[in-house]
Amino acid sequence: MIILGMMQVAKKVPFDDPNVLNGVRAMYVLSNVIILSLYMYVSGQITKKNGKQENRMRGGRTTFADFGNEWDRPHNNEVS
């Protein structure tokens, strides 16, 4: 829906005018700078907290081998 709306807006913007074209280019560069700075901030926050918090699981240790295929194990209502 957003893309369709932006296509309709783009039809009405006079891209032949150099001032309008340079303004659109500047907004594009500014949006990319904002996205990059947001990515760098979030990435920095994640790496700053990385390794400081201990991950715990309830019920003791488990490995991925404990989670095998559910069809390999008998279910409670089956007779073994």
N, C-alpha and C. Protein backbone atom coordinates (compact mmCIF):
# COMPACT_ATOMS: atom_id res chain seq x y z
N MET A 1 0.82 -1.19 0.00
CA MET A 1 0.00 0.00 0.00
C MET A 1 0.87 1.26 0.00
N ILE A 2 1.95 1.22 0.76
CA ILE A 2 2.83 2.38 0.81
C ILE A 2 3.46 2.62 -0.55
N ILE A 3 3.86 1.54 -1.22
CA ILE A 3 4.50 1.68 -2.53
C ILE A 3 3.54 2.28 -3.54
N LEU A 4 2.29 1.82 -3.51
CA LEU A 4 1.31 2.36 -4.44
C LEU A 4 1.07 3.85 -4.18
N GLY A 5 1.01 4.23 -2.92
CA GLY A 5 0.84 5.64 -2.58
C GLY A 5 2.03 6.48 -3.03
N MET A 6 3.23 5.95 -2.83
CA MET A 6 4.41 6.69 -3.24
C MET A 6 4.50 6.81 -4.77
N MET A 7 4.01 5.80 -5.48
CA MET A 7 3.99 5.89 -6.94
C MET A 7 3.07 7.02 -7.40
N GLN A 8 1.94 7.17 -6.74
CA GLN A 8 1.02 8.24 -7.10
C GLN A 8 1.62 9.61 -6.78
N VAL A 9 2.33 9.70 -5.66
CA VAL A 9 2.98 10.96 -5.31
C VAL A 9 4.09 11.26 -6.30
N ALA A 10 4.86 10.25 -6.70
CA ALA A 10 5.97 10.45 -7.62
C ALA A 10 5.50 10.93 -8.99
N LYS A 11 4.29 10.56 -9.37
CA LYS A 11 3.76 11.03 -10.65
C LYS A 11 3.53 12.54 -10.64
N LYS A 12 3.23 13.08 -9.46
CA LYS A 12 2.89 14.50 -9.37
C LYS A 12 4.09 15.39 -9.06
N VAL A 13 5.23 14.80 -8.69
CA VAL A 13 6.42 15.59 -8.36
C VAL A 13 7.14 15.94 -9.65
N PRO A 14 7.44 17.23 -9.85
CA PRO A 14 8.13 17.64 -11.09
C PRO A 14 9.64 17.37 -11.01
N PHE A 15 10.06 16.19 -11.45
CA PHE A 15 11.47 15.84 -11.39
C PHE A 15 12.29 16.55 -12.47
N ASP A 16 11.65 17.28 -13.36
CA ASP A 16 12.37 18.04 -14.37
C ASP A 16 13.07 19.25 -13.78
N ASP A 17 12.54 19.74 -12.65
CA ASP A 17 13.14 20.90 -11.97
C ASP A 17 14.39 20.44 -11.21
N PRO A 18 15.56 21.04 -11.48
CA PRO A 18 16.79 20.61 -10.80
C PRO A 18 16.74 20.79 -9.28
N ASN A 19 16.04 21.81 -8.80
CA ASN A 19 15.94 22.02 -7.36
C ASN A 19 15.16 20.90 -6.68
N VAL A 20 14.07 20.47 -7.31
CA VAL A 20 13.27 19.38 -6.77
C VAL A 20 14.06 18.08 -6.81
N LEU A 21 14.75 17.84 -7.90
CA LEU A 21 15.54 16.63 -8.04
C LEU A 21 16.66 16.57 -7.00
N ASN A 22 17.35 17.67 -6.80
CA ASN A 22 18.41 17.70 -5.78
C ASN A 22 17.82 17.55 -4.37
N GLY A 23 16.64 18.10 -4.13
CA GLY A 23 16.00 17.94 -2.83
C GLY A 23 15.63 16.49 -2.55
N VAL A 24 15.13 15.80 -3.57
CA VAL A 24 14.78 14.38 -3.42
C VAL A 24 16.04 13.56 -3.18
N ARG A 25 17.11 13.87 -3.90
CA ARG A 25 18.38 13.17 -3.69
C ARG A 25 18.91 13.39 -2.28
N ALA A 26 18.79 14.63 -1.79
CA ALA A 26 19.25 14.94 -0.43
C ALA A 26 18.43 14.17 0.61
N MET A 27 17.12 14.07 0.40
CA MET A 27 16.28 13.31 1.34
C MET A 27 16.65 11.83 1.31
N TYR A 28 16.99 11.31 0.14
CA TYR A 28 17.40 9.91 0.02
C TYR A 28 18.69 9.66 0.79
N VAL A 29 19.67 10.53 0.61
CA VAL A 29 20.94 10.38 1.33
C VAL A 29 20.72 10.53 2.83
N LEU A 30 19.90 11.50 3.23
CA LEU A 30 19.62 11.70 4.66
C LEU A 30 18.93 10.48 5.26
N SER A 31 18.00 9.88 4.54
CA SER A 31 17.32 8.69 5.08
C SER A 31 18.30 7.54 5.24
N ASN A 32 19.24 7.38 4.30
CA ASN A 32 20.25 6.33 4.43
C ASN A 32 21.20 6.59 5.59
N VAL A 33 21.54 7.84 5.84
CA VAL A 33 22.40 8.18 6.98
C VAL A 33 21.68 7.88 8.29
N ILE A 34 20.39 8.19 8.36
CA ILE A 34 19.61 7.90 9.57
C ILE A 34 19.52 6.40 9.80
N ILE A 35 19.28 5.63 8.75
CA ILE A 35 19.20 4.17 8.88
C ILE A 35 20.54 3.61 9.32
N LEU A 36 21.64 4.08 8.74
CA LEU A 36 22.97 3.60 9.12
C LEU A 36 23.30 3.94 10.56
N SER A 37 22.97 5.16 10.99
CA SER A 37 23.26 5.54 12.37
C SER A 37 22.42 4.74 13.35
N LEU A 38 21.17 4.46 13.02
CA LEU A 38 20.32 3.63 13.87
C LEU A 38 20.87 2.22 13.96
N TYR A 39 21.33 1.67 12.83
CA TYR A 39 21.93 0.34 12.82
C TYR A 39 23.18 0.30 13.69
N MET A 40 24.03 1.31 13.55
CA MET A 40 25.28 1.35 14.32
C MET A 40 24.98 1.48 15.82
N TYR A 41 23.98 2.27 16.19
CA TYR A 41 23.62 2.43 17.59
C TYR A 41 23.12 1.12 18.19
N VAL A 42 22.18 0.47 17.49
CA VAL A 42 21.62 -0.79 17.99
C VAL A 42 22.70 -1.86 18.04
N SER A 43 23.54 -1.92 17.02
CA SER A 43 24.63 -2.90 17.01
C SER A 43 25.60 -2.66 18.16
N GLY A 44 25.90 -1.40 18.44
CA GLY A 44 26.78 -1.06 19.56
C GLY A 44 26.18 -1.44 20.90
N GLN A 45 24.87 -1.23 21.06
CA GLN A 45 24.21 -1.59 22.30
C GLN A 45 24.22 -3.11 22.50
N ILE A 46 24.05 -3.85 21.43
CA ILE A 46 24.04 -5.31 21.53
C ILE A 46 25.44 -5.81 21.89
N THR A 47 26.46 -5.31 21.24
CA THR A 47 27.81 -5.78 21.52
C THR A 47 28.29 -5.34 22.90
N LYS A 48 27.78 -4.21 23.38
CA LYS A 48 28.17 -3.76 24.72
C LYS A 48 27.61 -4.69 25.79
N LYS A 49 26.41 -5.22 25.57
CA LYS A 49 25.79 -6.10 26.56
C LYS A 49 26.13 -7.57 26.32
N ASN A 50 26.79 -7.87 25.23
CA ASN A 50 27.09 -9.25 24.88
C ASN A 50 28.04 -9.87 25.90
N GLY A 51 27.68 -11.01 26.44
CA GLY A 51 28.55 -11.73 27.35
C GLY A 51 28.42 -11.32 28.80
N LYS A 52 27.63 -10.32 29.11
CA LYS A 52 27.49 -9.87 30.49
C LYS A 52 26.31 -10.53 31.20
N GLN A 53 25.41 -11.10 30.44
CA GLN A 53 24.24 -11.71 31.05
C GLN A 53 24.33 -13.22 30.86
N GLU A 54 24.08 -13.93 31.93
CA GLU A 54 24.17 -15.38 31.89
C GLU A 54 22.85 -15.95 31.41
N ASN A 55 22.91 -16.85 30.45
CA ASN A 55 21.70 -17.50 29.93
C ASN A 55 21.44 -18.75 30.75
N ARG A 56 20.24 -18.88 31.24
CA ARG A 56 19.87 -20.04 32.05
C ARG A 56 18.63 -20.68 31.48
N MET A 57 18.57 -21.99 31.65
CA MET A 57 17.38 -22.72 31.24
C MET A 57 16.82 -23.44 32.45
N ARG A 58 15.52 -23.48 32.56
CA ARG A 58 14.90 -24.20 33.66
C ARG A 58 14.99 -25.69 33.41
N GLY A 59 15.13 -26.45 34.44
CA GLY A 59 15.11 -27.90 34.32
C GLY A 59 16.45 -28.51 33.99
N GLY A 60 17.51 -27.84 34.19
CA GLY A 60 18.82 -28.43 33.96
C GLY A 60 19.29 -28.27 32.53
N ARG A 61 20.38 -28.97 32.25
CA ARG A 61 20.99 -28.85 30.92
C ARG A 61 20.27 -29.72 29.91
N THR A 62 20.16 -29.19 28.73
CA THR A 62 19.61 -29.96 27.62
C THR A 62 20.51 -29.73 26.42
N THR A 63 20.51 -30.66 25.52
CA THR A 63 21.25 -30.51 24.28
C THR A 63 20.28 -30.63 23.12
N PHE A 64 20.76 -30.28 21.95
CA PHE A 64 19.88 -30.39 20.79
C PHE A 64 19.55 -31.84 20.49
N ALA A 65 20.40 -32.75 20.91
CA ALA A 65 20.12 -34.17 20.69
C ALA A 65 18.88 -34.61 21.45
N ASP A 66 18.56 -33.91 22.55
CA ASP A 66 17.37 -34.25 23.34
C ASP A 66 16.07 -33.91 22.60
N PHE A 67 16.16 -33.08 21.58
CA PHE A 67 14.96 -32.61 20.89
C PHE A 67 14.72 -33.35 19.59
N GLY A 68 15.16 -34.60 19.45
CA GLY A 68 15.07 -35.35 18.21
C GLY A 68 13.72 -35.27 17.54
N ASN A 69 13.51 -36.07 16.57
CA ASN A 69 12.26 -36.09 15.82
C ASN A 69 11.14 -36.63 16.71
N GLU A 70 10.03 -35.93 16.75
CA GLU A 70 8.93 -36.33 17.64
C GLU A 70 8.29 -37.64 17.19
N TRP A 71 8.47 -38.03 15.93
CA TRP A 71 7.88 -39.27 15.44
C TRP A 71 8.71 -40.49 15.87
N ASP A 72 9.93 -40.26 16.34
CA ASP A 72 10.78 -41.37 16.78
C ASP A 72 10.42 -41.85 18.18
N ARG A 73 9.74 -41.02 18.94
CA ARG A 73 9.42 -41.37 20.33
C ARG A 73 7.96 -41.80 20.45
N PRO A 74 7.67 -42.77 21.31
CA PRO A 74 6.26 -43.14 21.52
C PRO A 74 5.54 -42.04 22.31
N HIS A 75 4.30 -41.80 21.96
CA HIS A 75 3.50 -40.81 22.67
C HIS A 75 2.86 -41.45 23.89
N ASN A 76 2.35 -40.64 24.78
CA ASN A 76 1.78 -41.14 26.02
C ASN A 76 0.60 -42.07 25.80
N ASN A 77 -0.17 -41.85 24.74
CA ASN A 77 -1.36 -42.69 24.54
C ASN A 77 -1.08 -43.94 23.71
N GLU A 78 0.18 -44.12 23.29
CA GLU A 78 0.51 -45.32 22.53
C GLU A 78 0.98 -46.44 23.44
N VAL A 79 0.75 -47.63 23.01
CA VAL A 79 1.22 -48.80 23.74
C VAL A 79 2.58 -49.19 23.17
N SER A 80 3.58 -49.32 24.06
CA SER A 80 4.90 -49.69 23.55
C SER A 80 5.17 -51.15 23.75
